[in-house]
Structures are given as C-alpha cells and as structure tokens.
Amino acid sequence: MKIVLIVLGVLLLIGLLFGGKLVGIRNDLVVQREAINGAWAQVDVSLQRRADLIPNLVSTVKGFAAQEKSVIDSVTTARAALVGARTPQEKIQANGQLDSALARLLVVVENYPNIKSNENFLRLQDELAGTENRIAVERRKYNETVQHYNTTIELFPNNLAAGLFSFQRNDAYFRTDAGSRQVPQVKF
C-alpha cells in the first residue's frame, strides 16, 4: 500500500511538473504572438505615415509632369490598395506594389530637373526618405519577431504545446520580390 502511494505521489509530481511546463510554454507563445502584433503595429504606423505623404508628393509631381499620368495613377492606385488592405498579408502585398510605383515615380522625377529644385518636393522627398528608413527598421524588427516565434513553436517540446494549444506558424514575412533587386532603367 505504501509503495502504491509513493508511486501515485511520484506520478502526481511528474504530472504537475509536466503541466507546469506546458502552461509555461503556452504563456511564452502568447507573449511572442503579442510581440508579433506589436511589431506589426509599428510597421503599420510607418506604412500609414508614408501613405499620408504620397498625395502631397503626387500633387507636386503632377504640377510639373502632367504627361506622366500612368506613373502617377499607379502610385495613387497602389496607395489606395495599401490603405484598403486589412490583414498583414494584404498590407505586405500592397506595400510591394507601392514600393514599385514609388520607384517608377522617382525615375520620372529624374527626367524633370525643375521638380528636383522645387522646395516643396525636396521637403517631401526628405520626409519620404526618413519614413522609408523607419519602415525598413520596423520591417526588420517584425521579421525577426515572426522568425523567433516560428522557431520557438518548431522546437521540442514547444511543438507539442503549440499543437495542443493551436498555435500556428506565421508566414507573414516581408520579402523582397525579384523585381526590386533590379536597378531601374533611367532614360537620358
């Protein structure tokens, strides 16, 4: 009888330790998931700041280069897609479109020296450059946070707890597309 009580006590202790470990892992995963949400919020703020600058930039360029309507329209359309996007995946995709459209717009600006000398345009371009730097920093932090979370849920015994508590991989990374690795062609 004494042996049965000792065995039950040991099993109960092992069960409590295992349960405590599972709860600890779950809590850590919750903290990491919330860190992803916080990092995403920072990216979102930076993206919104850039989206807010674009109408002023477009109107300045439009005044000097009205014949470049297709480029200006692509920037406006890409901005609208970013503002209308709801999920991180949608915003990441819309951000890629906006990056591409802005790159084309800045190539167009190179063909118009009078735009580059406009004080309003220079100020907007400086603000946009600062915002782009903030976006790059926030993207990096977000990607690192997502990578840490994904690594954590793949490691043993965390993968058991992640499966038990329905934690899923998050694949909403910012990635560069093949086109952004190419240098834009400038016509002289």
N, C-alpha and C. Protein backbone atom coordinates (compact mmCIF):
# COMPACT_ATOMS: atom_id res chain seq x y z
N MET A 1 0.81 -1.19 0.00
CA MET A 1 0.00 0.00 0.00
C MET A 1 0.86 1.26 0.00
N LYS A 2 1.95 1.20 0.79
CA LYS A 2 2.84 2.33 0.87
C LYS A 2 3.51 2.59 -0.48
N ILE A 3 3.86 1.53 -1.19
CA ILE A 3 4.52 1.64 -2.49
C ILE A 3 3.56 2.28 -3.49
N VAL A 4 2.30 1.90 -3.44
CA VAL A 4 1.29 2.45 -4.35
C VAL A 4 1.16 3.96 -4.11
N LEU A 5 1.13 4.39 -2.85
CA LEU A 5 1.04 5.81 -2.53
C LEU A 5 2.29 6.57 -3.00
N ILE A 6 3.44 5.96 -2.84
CA ILE A 6 4.68 6.60 -3.30
C ILE A 6 4.67 6.73 -4.82
N VAL A 7 4.26 5.67 -5.51
CA VAL A 7 4.19 5.70 -6.98
C VAL A 7 3.18 6.76 -7.42
N LEU A 8 2.01 6.81 -6.78
CA LEU A 8 0.99 7.82 -7.11
C LEU A 8 1.53 9.23 -6.84
N GLY A 9 2.24 9.39 -5.75
CA GLY A 9 2.83 10.69 -5.43
C GLY A 9 3.85 11.13 -6.47
N VAL A 10 4.70 10.19 -6.88
CA VAL A 10 5.70 10.49 -7.92
C VAL A 10 5.02 10.81 -9.24
N LEU A 11 4.01 10.02 -9.61
CA LEU A 11 3.27 10.29 -10.86
C LEU A 11 2.56 11.64 -10.81
N LEU A 12 2.00 11.96 -9.66
CA LEU A 12 1.34 13.25 -9.50
C LEU A 12 2.35 14.38 -9.62
N LEU A 13 3.51 14.22 -9.02
CA LEU A 13 4.57 15.22 -9.10
C LEU A 13 5.04 15.40 -10.55
N ILE A 14 5.23 14.29 -11.25
CA ILE A 14 5.63 14.35 -12.66
C ILE A 14 4.54 15.03 -13.49
N GLY A 15 3.30 14.70 -13.22
CA GLY A 15 2.17 15.33 -13.92
C GLY A 15 2.12 16.82 -13.67
N LEU A 16 2.34 17.23 -12.42
CA LEU A 16 2.34 18.66 -12.09
C LEU A 16 3.50 19.38 -12.78
N LEU A 17 4.67 18.77 -12.78
CA LEU A 17 5.82 19.37 -13.46
C LEU A 17 5.57 19.49 -14.96
N PHE A 18 5.04 18.42 -15.57
CA PHE A 18 4.74 18.45 -16.99
C PHE A 18 3.67 19.49 -17.31
N GLY A 19 2.62 19.53 -16.50
CA GLY A 19 1.56 20.53 -16.69
C GLY A 19 2.08 21.94 -16.53
N GLY A 20 2.93 22.14 -15.53
CA GLY A 20 3.53 23.46 -15.32
C GLY A 20 4.39 23.88 -16.50
N LYS A 21 5.14 22.94 -17.05
CA LYS A 21 5.97 23.22 -18.24
C LYS A 21 5.09 23.59 -19.42
N LEU A 22 3.99 22.84 -19.63
CA LEU A 22 3.07 23.15 -20.73
C LEU A 22 2.48 24.54 -20.58
N VAL A 23 2.07 24.88 -19.38
CA VAL A 23 1.49 26.21 -19.14
C VAL A 23 2.55 27.29 -19.38
N GLY A 24 3.77 27.04 -18.94
CA GLY A 24 4.85 27.99 -19.17
C GLY A 24 5.13 28.20 -20.64
N ILE A 25 5.15 27.11 -21.40
CA ILE A 25 5.37 27.21 -22.85
C ILE A 25 4.23 27.98 -23.50
N ARG A 26 2.99 27.66 -23.10
CA ARG A 26 1.83 28.35 -23.67
C ARG A 26 1.92 29.84 -23.40
N ASN A 27 2.26 30.21 -22.17
CA ASN A 27 2.37 31.63 -21.83
C ASN A 27 3.46 32.32 -22.65
N ASP A 28 4.57 31.63 -22.86
CA ASP A 28 5.65 32.19 -23.67
C ASP A 28 5.18 32.39 -25.11
N LEU A 29 4.44 31.44 -25.65
CA LEU A 29 3.93 31.58 -27.01
C LEU A 29 2.93 32.74 -27.12
N VAL A 30 2.12 32.92 -26.10
CA VAL A 30 1.18 34.05 -26.10
C VAL A 30 1.96 35.37 -26.10
N VAL A 31 2.99 35.45 -25.29
CA VAL A 31 3.82 36.67 -25.25
C VAL A 31 4.44 36.93 -26.61
N GLN A 32 4.94 35.88 -27.25
CA GLN A 32 5.56 36.06 -28.56
C GLN A 32 4.54 36.44 -29.63
N ARG A 33 3.35 35.86 -29.58
CA ARG A 33 2.30 36.22 -30.54
C ARG A 33 1.92 37.69 -30.37
N GLU A 34 1.85 38.14 -29.13
CA GLU A 34 1.54 39.56 -28.89
C GLU A 34 2.69 40.46 -29.33
N ALA A 35 3.93 39.97 -29.22
CA ALA A 35 5.08 40.74 -29.71
C ALA A 35 4.98 40.91 -31.22
N ILE A 36 4.51 39.87 -31.91
CA ILE A 36 4.31 39.98 -33.36
C ILE A 36 3.26 41.05 -33.65
N ASN A 37 2.17 41.04 -32.89
CA ASN A 37 1.12 42.05 -33.10
C ASN A 37 1.66 43.45 -32.85
N GLY A 38 2.48 43.60 -31.81
CA GLY A 38 3.07 44.91 -31.52
C GLY A 38 4.04 45.35 -32.60
N ALA A 39 4.87 44.43 -33.07
CA ALA A 39 5.81 44.75 -34.15
C ALA A 39 5.05 45.11 -35.43
N TRP A 40 3.97 44.38 -35.70
CA TRP A 40 3.16 44.70 -36.87
C TRP A 40 2.55 46.10 -36.74
N ALA A 41 2.10 46.45 -35.55
CA ALA A 41 1.51 47.78 -35.34
C ALA A 41 2.52 48.87 -35.67
N GLN A 42 3.78 48.65 -35.31
CA GLN A 42 4.82 49.64 -35.63
C GLN A 42 5.03 49.74 -37.14
N VAL A 43 5.03 48.60 -37.83
CA VAL A 43 5.15 48.62 -39.29
C VAL A 43 3.97 49.37 -39.88
N ASP A 44 2.79 49.06 -39.38
CA ASP A 44 1.56 49.67 -39.89
C ASP A 44 1.58 51.19 -39.73
N VAL A 45 2.07 51.67 -38.60
CA VAL A 45 2.17 53.12 -38.37
C VAL A 45 3.11 53.75 -39.40
N SER A 46 4.23 53.12 -39.65
CA SER A 46 5.18 53.65 -40.62
C SER A 46 4.61 53.62 -42.04
N LEU A 47 3.91 52.54 -42.37
CA LEU A 47 3.29 52.46 -43.70
C LEU A 47 2.22 53.53 -43.86
N GLN A 48 1.46 53.78 -42.81
CA GLN A 48 0.42 54.80 -42.88
C GLN A 48 1.04 56.19 -43.04
N ARG A 49 2.15 56.42 -42.35
CA ARG A 49 2.84 57.72 -42.48
C ARG A 49 3.26 57.94 -43.93
N ARG A 50 3.83 56.90 -44.54
CA ARG A 50 4.24 57.03 -45.94
C ARG A 50 3.02 57.25 -46.83
N ALA A 51 1.95 56.50 -46.58
CA ALA A 51 0.73 56.66 -47.37
C ALA A 51 0.18 58.07 -47.25
N ASP A 52 0.34 58.69 -46.09
CA ASP A 52 -0.13 60.06 -45.89
C ASP A 52 0.72 61.08 -46.64
N LEU A 53 1.99 60.79 -46.86
CA LEU A 53 2.87 61.71 -47.59
C LEU A 53 2.65 61.65 -49.10
N ILE A 54 2.20 60.52 -49.58
CA ILE A 54 2.14 60.31 -51.03
C ILE A 54 1.22 61.28 -51.77
N PRO A 55 0.01 61.60 -51.27
CA PRO A 55 -0.83 62.54 -52.04
C PRO A 55 -0.14 63.89 -52.29
N ASN A 56 0.59 64.39 -51.28
CA ASN A 56 1.30 65.66 -51.47
C ASN A 56 2.42 65.52 -52.50
N LEU A 57 3.13 64.41 -52.44
CA LEU A 57 4.20 64.16 -53.39
C LEU A 57 3.64 64.05 -54.80
N VAL A 58 2.55 63.31 -54.95
CA VAL A 58 1.93 63.12 -56.26
C VAL A 58 1.43 64.45 -56.81
N SER A 59 0.81 65.26 -55.99
CA SER A 59 0.29 66.54 -56.49
C SER A 59 1.42 67.47 -56.90
N THR A 60 2.54 67.43 -56.21
CA THR A 60 3.69 68.25 -56.59
C THR A 60 4.24 67.79 -57.94
N VAL A 61 4.39 66.48 -58.11
CA VAL A 61 4.91 65.95 -59.37
C VAL A 61 3.91 66.20 -60.49
N LYS A 62 2.63 66.05 -60.19
CA LYS A 62 1.58 66.24 -61.19
C LYS A 62 1.64 67.65 -61.78
N GLY A 63 1.96 68.64 -60.95
CA GLY A 63 2.05 70.01 -61.42
C GLY A 63 3.16 70.21 -62.44
N PHE A 64 4.21 69.44 -62.35
CA PHE A 64 5.35 69.59 -63.26
C PHE A 64 5.35 68.58 -64.40
N ALA A 65 4.79 67.42 -64.18
CA ALA A 65 4.89 66.34 -65.17
C ALA A 65 3.53 65.71 -65.42
N ALA A 66 2.60 66.51 -65.87
CA ALA A 66 1.24 66.03 -66.08
C ALA A 66 1.19 64.92 -67.14
N GLN A 67 2.14 64.92 -68.07
CA GLN A 67 2.12 63.90 -69.12
C GLN A 67 2.49 62.52 -68.62
N GLU A 68 2.98 62.41 -67.40
CA GLU A 68 3.34 61.12 -66.81
C GLU A 68 2.16 60.53 -66.03
N LYS A 69 0.98 60.63 -66.60
CA LYS A 69 -0.26 60.24 -65.92
C LYS A 69 -0.26 58.77 -65.49
N SER A 70 0.26 57.86 -66.31
CA SER A 70 0.21 56.43 -65.95
C SER A 70 1.03 56.14 -64.70
N VAL A 71 2.18 56.79 -64.57
CA VAL A 71 3.01 56.57 -63.38
C VAL A 71 2.32 57.15 -62.15
N ILE A 72 1.77 58.33 -62.29
CA ILE A 72 1.07 58.98 -61.18
C ILE A 72 -0.15 58.16 -60.76
N ASP A 73 -0.88 57.65 -61.76
CA ASP A 73 -2.04 56.81 -61.47
C ASP A 73 -1.65 55.52 -60.76
N SER A 74 -0.50 54.93 -61.15
CA SER A 74 -0.07 53.68 -60.50
C SER A 74 0.28 53.93 -59.04
N VAL A 75 0.86 55.09 -58.73
CA VAL A 75 1.17 55.43 -57.33
C VAL A 75 -0.13 55.60 -56.55
N THR A 76 -1.07 56.31 -57.14
CA THR A 76 -2.35 56.55 -56.47
C THR A 76 -3.11 55.24 -56.23
N THR A 77 -3.11 54.37 -57.22
CA THR A 77 -3.78 53.07 -57.09
C THR A 77 -3.11 52.20 -56.03
N ALA A 78 -1.78 52.19 -56.03
CA ALA A 78 -1.04 51.39 -55.04
C ALA A 78 -1.28 51.92 -53.64
N ARG A 79 -1.33 53.23 -53.48
CA ARG A 79 -1.61 53.82 -52.17
C ARG A 79 -3.00 53.42 -51.70
N ALA A 80 -3.98 53.48 -52.60
CA ALA A 80 -5.34 53.09 -52.25
C ALA A 80 -5.40 51.63 -51.82
N ALA A 81 -4.63 50.77 -52.50
CA ALA A 81 -4.60 49.35 -52.13
C ALA A 81 -4.01 49.18 -50.73
N LEU A 82 -2.97 49.93 -50.41
CA LEU A 82 -2.35 49.84 -49.09
C LEU A 82 -3.31 50.31 -48.00
N VAL A 83 -3.96 51.43 -48.24
CA VAL A 83 -4.89 51.97 -47.25
C VAL A 83 -6.09 51.03 -47.07
N GLY A 84 -6.51 50.36 -48.14
CA GLY A 84 -7.67 49.47 -48.07
C GLY A 84 -7.35 48.07 -47.55
N ALA A 85 -6.07 47.72 -47.49
CA ALA A 85 -5.68 46.38 -47.03
C ALA A 85 -5.97 46.24 -45.54
N ARG A 86 -6.41 45.06 -45.14
CA ARG A 86 -6.79 44.83 -43.74
C ARG A 86 -5.82 43.89 -43.00
N THR A 87 -5.41 42.82 -43.64
CA THR A 87 -4.57 41.83 -42.95
C THR A 87 -3.09 42.13 -43.21
N PRO A 88 -2.22 41.62 -42.37
CA PRO A 88 -0.79 41.82 -42.65
C PRO A 88 -0.38 41.31 -44.03
N GLN A 89 -0.90 40.16 -44.45
CA GLN A 89 -0.55 39.63 -45.78
C GLN A 89 -0.97 40.61 -46.88
N GLU A 90 -2.19 41.15 -46.78
CA GLU A 90 -2.67 42.10 -47.78
C GLU A 90 -1.81 43.36 -47.77
N LYS A 91 -1.47 43.84 -46.59
CA LYS A 91 -0.66 45.06 -46.49
C LYS A 91 0.74 44.83 -47.01
N ILE A 92 1.30 43.66 -46.75
CA ILE A 92 2.64 43.36 -47.26
C ILE A 92 2.62 43.35 -48.79
N GLN A 93 1.60 42.74 -49.37
CA GLN A 93 1.48 42.70 -50.83
C GLN A 93 1.26 44.11 -51.39
N ALA A 94 0.36 44.87 -50.80
CA ALA A 94 0.10 46.23 -51.26
C ALA A 94 1.33 47.12 -51.10
N ASN A 95 2.09 46.90 -50.04
CA ASN A 95 3.32 47.66 -49.83
C ASN A 95 4.32 47.39 -50.95
N GLY A 96 4.39 46.16 -51.40
CA GLY A 96 5.29 45.83 -52.52
C GLY A 96 4.89 46.58 -53.78
N GLN A 97 3.59 46.67 -54.04
CA GLN A 97 3.10 47.42 -55.20
C GLN A 97 3.44 48.90 -55.06
N LEU A 98 3.29 49.43 -53.85
CA LEU A 98 3.58 50.84 -53.63
C LEU A 98 5.08 51.12 -53.77
N ASP A 99 5.91 50.22 -53.28
CA ASP A 99 7.36 50.38 -53.44
C ASP A 99 7.72 50.49 -54.92
N SER A 100 7.15 49.60 -55.71
CA SER A 100 7.43 49.59 -57.15
C SER A 100 6.93 50.87 -57.82
N ALA A 101 5.73 51.30 -57.48
CA ALA A 101 5.16 52.52 -58.07
C ALA A 101 5.98 53.74 -57.68
N LEU A 102 6.40 53.82 -56.42
CA LEU A 102 7.22 54.97 -55.99
C LEU A 102 8.57 54.98 -56.69
N ALA A 103 9.14 53.81 -56.91
CA ALA A 103 10.42 53.74 -57.62
C ALA A 103 10.26 54.28 -59.04
N ARG A 104 9.14 53.91 -59.71
CA ARG A 104 8.90 54.44 -61.06
C ARG A 104 8.69 55.95 -61.03
N LEU A 105 8.00 56.44 -60.00
CA LEU A 105 7.76 57.88 -59.88
C LEU A 105 9.09 58.62 -59.70
N LEU A 106 9.97 58.10 -58.88
CA LEU A 106 11.25 58.77 -58.66
C LEU A 106 12.13 58.72 -59.91
N VAL A 107 11.97 57.69 -60.74
CA VAL A 107 12.69 57.66 -62.01
C VAL A 107 12.15 58.75 -62.92
N VAL A 108 10.84 58.96 -62.93
CA VAL A 108 10.24 60.02 -63.74
C VAL A 108 10.76 61.38 -63.28
N VAL A 109 10.87 61.57 -61.98
CA VAL A 109 11.33 62.84 -61.44
C VAL A 109 12.73 63.18 -61.96
N GLU A 110 13.55 62.15 -62.18
CA GLU A 110 14.90 62.38 -62.69
C GLU A 110 14.87 63.07 -64.06
N ASN A 111 13.81 62.89 -64.81
CA ASN A 111 13.70 63.50 -66.14
C ASN A 111 13.23 64.95 -66.10
N TYR A 112 12.90 65.46 -64.92
CA TYR A 112 12.37 66.81 -64.79
C TYR A 112 13.18 67.58 -63.74
N PRO A 113 14.23 68.26 -64.18
CA PRO A 113 15.09 68.97 -63.22
C PRO A 113 14.35 70.05 -62.42
N ASN A 114 13.32 70.65 -63.01
CA ASN A 114 12.59 71.69 -62.28
C ASN A 114 11.82 71.13 -61.08
N ILE A 115 11.44 69.83 -61.12
CA ILE A 115 10.79 69.21 -59.96
C ILE A 115 11.81 69.06 -58.84
N LYS A 116 12.99 68.62 -59.21
CA LYS A 116 14.03 68.36 -58.20
C LYS A 116 14.47 69.63 -57.50
N SER A 117 14.25 70.78 -58.13
CA SER A 117 14.65 72.03 -57.49
C SER A 117 13.50 72.68 -56.70
N ASN A 118 12.31 72.12 -56.79
CA ASN A 118 11.15 72.66 -56.07
C ASN A 118 11.30 72.39 -54.58
N GLU A 119 11.18 73.44 -53.78
CA GLU A 119 11.38 73.34 -52.33
C GLU A 119 10.39 72.37 -51.67
N ASN A 120 9.14 72.42 -52.08
CA ASN A 120 8.12 71.54 -51.52
C ASN A 120 8.45 70.08 -51.84
N PHE A 121 8.87 69.82 -53.08
CA PHE A 121 9.22 68.46 -53.46
C PHE A 121 10.42 67.97 -52.66
N LEU A 122 11.42 68.81 -52.50
CA LEU A 122 12.62 68.41 -51.74
C LEU A 122 12.27 68.06 -50.30
N ARG A 123 11.40 68.87 -49.70
CA ARG A 123 10.98 68.59 -48.31
C ARG A 123 10.22 67.27 -48.24
N LEU A 124 9.30 67.06 -49.18
CA LEU A 124 8.54 65.81 -49.21
C LEU A 124 9.45 64.61 -49.47
N GLN A 125 10.41 64.79 -50.35
CA GLN A 125 11.34 63.70 -50.65
C GLN A 125 12.17 63.35 -49.41
N ASP A 126 12.59 64.36 -48.65
CA ASP A 126 13.34 64.12 -47.41
C ASP A 126 12.47 63.38 -46.39
N GLU A 127 11.22 63.83 -46.24
CA GLU A 127 10.32 63.16 -45.31
C GLU A 127 10.07 61.72 -45.74
N LEU A 128 9.90 61.52 -47.04
CA LEU A 128 9.67 60.17 -47.55
C LEU A 128 10.90 59.28 -47.31
N ALA A 129 12.08 59.83 -47.52
CA ALA A 129 13.31 59.06 -47.28
C ALA A 129 13.42 58.66 -45.81
N GLY A 130 13.12 59.59 -44.90
CA GLY A 130 13.14 59.27 -43.47
C GLY A 130 12.12 58.21 -43.12
N THR A 131 10.94 58.31 -43.72
CA THR A 131 9.88 57.33 -43.47
C THR A 131 10.28 55.97 -44.02
N GLU A 132 10.90 55.95 -45.19
CA GLU A 132 11.36 54.68 -45.77
C GLU A 132 12.38 54.01 -44.84
N ASN A 133 13.25 54.81 -44.24
CA ASN A 133 14.22 54.24 -43.29
C ASN A 133 13.51 53.65 -42.08
N ARG A 134 12.50 54.37 -41.55
CA ARG A 134 11.73 53.83 -40.42
C ARG A 134 11.02 52.54 -40.79
N ILE A 135 10.47 52.51 -42.00
CA ILE A 135 9.78 51.30 -42.46
C ILE A 135 10.76 50.14 -42.53
N ALA A 136 11.95 50.39 -43.05
CA ALA A 136 12.95 49.32 -43.15
C ALA A 136 13.31 48.77 -41.78
N VAL A 137 13.48 49.66 -40.81
CA VAL A 137 13.82 49.23 -39.44
C VAL A 137 12.67 48.42 -38.85
N GLU A 138 11.45 48.90 -39.01
CA GLU A 138 10.29 48.21 -38.43
C GLU A 138 10.03 46.87 -39.14
N ARG A 139 10.26 46.82 -40.44
CA ARG A 139 10.12 45.54 -41.16
C ARG A 139 11.10 44.51 -40.61
N ARG A 140 12.35 44.96 -40.41
CA ARG A 140 13.37 44.05 -39.90
C ARG A 140 12.98 43.53 -38.52
N LYS A 141 12.52 44.44 -37.65
CA LYS A 141 12.10 44.02 -36.30
C LYS A 141 10.93 43.05 -36.38
N TYR A 142 9.97 43.35 -37.24
CA TYR A 142 8.80 42.48 -37.40
C TYR A 142 9.24 41.10 -37.89
N ASN A 143 10.07 41.06 -38.92
CA ASN A 143 10.53 39.76 -39.45
C ASN A 143 11.29 38.98 -38.39
N GLU A 144 12.12 39.66 -37.59
CA GLU A 144 12.85 38.97 -36.53
C GLU A 144 11.90 38.40 -35.48
N THR A 145 10.87 39.15 -35.14
CA THR A 145 9.89 38.70 -34.15
C THR A 145 9.12 37.48 -34.67
N VAL A 146 8.71 37.53 -35.93
CA VAL A 146 7.99 36.39 -36.53
C VAL A 146 8.91 35.18 -36.61
N GLN A 147 10.17 35.40 -36.99
CA GLN A 147 11.11 34.29 -37.09
C GLN A 147 11.33 33.64 -35.71
N HIS A 148 11.46 34.46 -34.67
CA HIS A 148 11.66 33.94 -33.32
C HIS A 148 10.46 33.09 -32.89
N TYR A 149 9.27 33.60 -33.14
CA TYR A 149 8.04 32.87 -32.81
C TYR A 149 7.99 31.54 -33.57
N ASN A 150 8.23 31.58 -34.88
CA ASN A 150 8.17 30.36 -35.70
C ASN A 150 9.21 29.34 -35.25
N THR A 151 10.39 29.82 -34.89
CA THR A 151 11.43 28.91 -34.40
C THR A 151 11.00 28.28 -33.08
N THR A 152 10.44 29.08 -32.20
CA THR A 152 10.01 28.59 -30.90
C THR A 152 8.97 27.49 -31.02
N ILE A 153 7.99 27.68 -31.89
CA ILE A 153 6.93 26.66 -31.99
C ILE A 153 7.39 25.40 -32.70
N GLU A 154 8.54 25.44 -33.37
CA GLU A 154 9.06 24.25 -34.04
C GLU A 154 9.96 23.41 -33.13
N LEU A 155 10.47 23.99 -32.05
CA LEU A 155 11.39 23.28 -31.16
C LEU A 155 10.64 22.35 -30.22
N PHE A 156 11.27 21.23 -29.91
CA PHE A 156 10.71 20.28 -28.95
C PHE A 156 11.05 20.76 -27.55
N PRO A 157 10.20 20.74 -26.59
CA PRO A 157 8.82 20.26 -26.52
C PRO A 157 7.79 21.34 -26.85
N ASN A 158 8.27 22.51 -27.28
CA ASN A 158 7.34 23.60 -27.59
C ASN A 158 6.36 23.21 -28.69
N ASN A 159 6.83 22.39 -29.65
CA ASN A 159 5.93 21.99 -30.73
C ASN A 159 4.74 21.18 -30.21
N LEU A 160 4.95 20.42 -29.15
CA LEU A 160 3.83 19.67 -28.56
C LEU A 160 2.80 20.63 -27.95
N ALA A 161 3.30 21.61 -27.19
CA ALA A 161 2.40 22.59 -26.58
C ALA A 161 1.73 23.45 -27.65
N ALA A 162 2.49 23.83 -28.69
CA ALA A 162 1.92 24.64 -29.77
C ALA A 162 0.78 23.89 -30.45
N GLY A 163 0.97 22.61 -30.70
CA GLY A 163 -0.09 21.80 -31.30
C GLY A 163 -1.27 21.64 -30.38
N LEU A 164 -1.00 21.42 -29.11
CA LEU A 164 -2.06 21.22 -28.12
C LEU A 164 -2.91 22.48 -27.96
N PHE A 165 -2.26 23.65 -27.99
CA PHE A 165 -2.97 24.91 -27.78
C PHE A 165 -3.26 25.66 -29.08
N SER A 166 -3.12 24.99 -30.22
CA SER A 166 -3.47 25.53 -31.55
C SER A 166 -2.69 26.77 -31.95
N PHE A 167 -1.42 26.82 -31.66
CA PHE A 167 -0.58 27.91 -32.15
C PHE A 167 -0.09 27.52 -33.54
N GLN A 168 -0.27 28.41 -34.49
CA GLN A 168 0.08 28.15 -35.88
C GLN A 168 1.31 28.96 -36.29
N ARG A 169 2.01 28.45 -37.28
CA ARG A 169 3.12 29.19 -37.88
C ARG A 169 2.59 30.49 -38.46
N ASN A 170 3.38 31.54 -38.40
CA ASN A 170 3.03 32.82 -39.01
C ASN A 170 3.99 33.04 -40.17
N ASP A 171 3.48 33.02 -41.38
CA ASP A 171 4.35 33.18 -42.54
C ASP A 171 4.19 34.55 -43.20
N ALA A 172 3.71 35.53 -42.47
CA ALA A 172 3.53 36.89 -43.00
C ALA A 172 4.84 37.67 -42.86
N TYR A 173 5.83 37.26 -43.64
CA TYR A 173 7.12 37.94 -43.66
C TYR A 173 7.14 39.00 -44.75
N PHE A 174 7.95 40.04 -44.54
CA PHE A 174 8.26 40.96 -45.63
C PHE A 174 9.40 40.33 -46.41
N ARG A 175 9.19 40.17 -47.69
CA ARG A 175 10.23 39.62 -48.57
C ARG A 175 10.44 40.57 -49.72
N THR A 176 11.62 40.57 -50.28
CA THR A 176 11.84 41.36 -51.48
C THR A 176 11.44 40.51 -52.68
N ASP A 177 10.81 41.14 -53.64
CA ASP A 177 10.47 40.41 -54.85
C ASP A 177 11.63 40.53 -55.83
N ALA A 178 11.65 39.68 -56.79
CA ALA A 178 12.77 39.63 -57.74
C ALA A 178 12.95 40.96 -58.47
N GLY A 179 11.87 41.64 -58.78
CA GLY A 179 11.95 42.91 -59.49
C GLY A 179 12.62 44.01 -58.69
N SER A 180 12.52 43.97 -57.38
CA SER A 180 13.12 45.03 -56.57
C SER A 180 14.63 44.88 -56.45
N ARG A 181 15.16 43.76 -56.88
CA ARG A 181 16.61 43.56 -56.85
C ARG A 181 17.27 44.11 -58.10
N GLN A 182 16.47 44.52 -59.08
CA GLN A 182 16.97 45.06 -60.33
C GLN A 182 17.07 46.58 -60.21
N VAL A 183 18.09 47.13 -60.79
CA VAL A 183 18.26 48.58 -60.82
C VAL A 183 17.31 49.14 -61.87
N PRO A 184 16.51 50.18 -61.52
CA PRO A 184 15.60 50.74 -62.52
C PRO A 184 16.38 51.39 -63.68
N GLN A 185 15.83 51.28 -64.87
CA GLN A 185 16.47 51.87 -66.04
C GLN A 185 16.07 53.34 -66.15
N VAL A 186 17.04 54.21 -66.20
CA VAL A 186 16.80 55.64 -66.33
C VAL A 186 17.14 56.04 -67.76
N LYS A 187 16.22 56.73 -68.41
CA LYS A 187 16.46 57.20 -69.78
C LYS A 187 17.14 58.57 -69.74
N PHE A 188 18.16 58.71 -70.54
CA PHE A 188 18.87 60.00 -70.61
C PHE A 188 18.63 60.65 -71.93
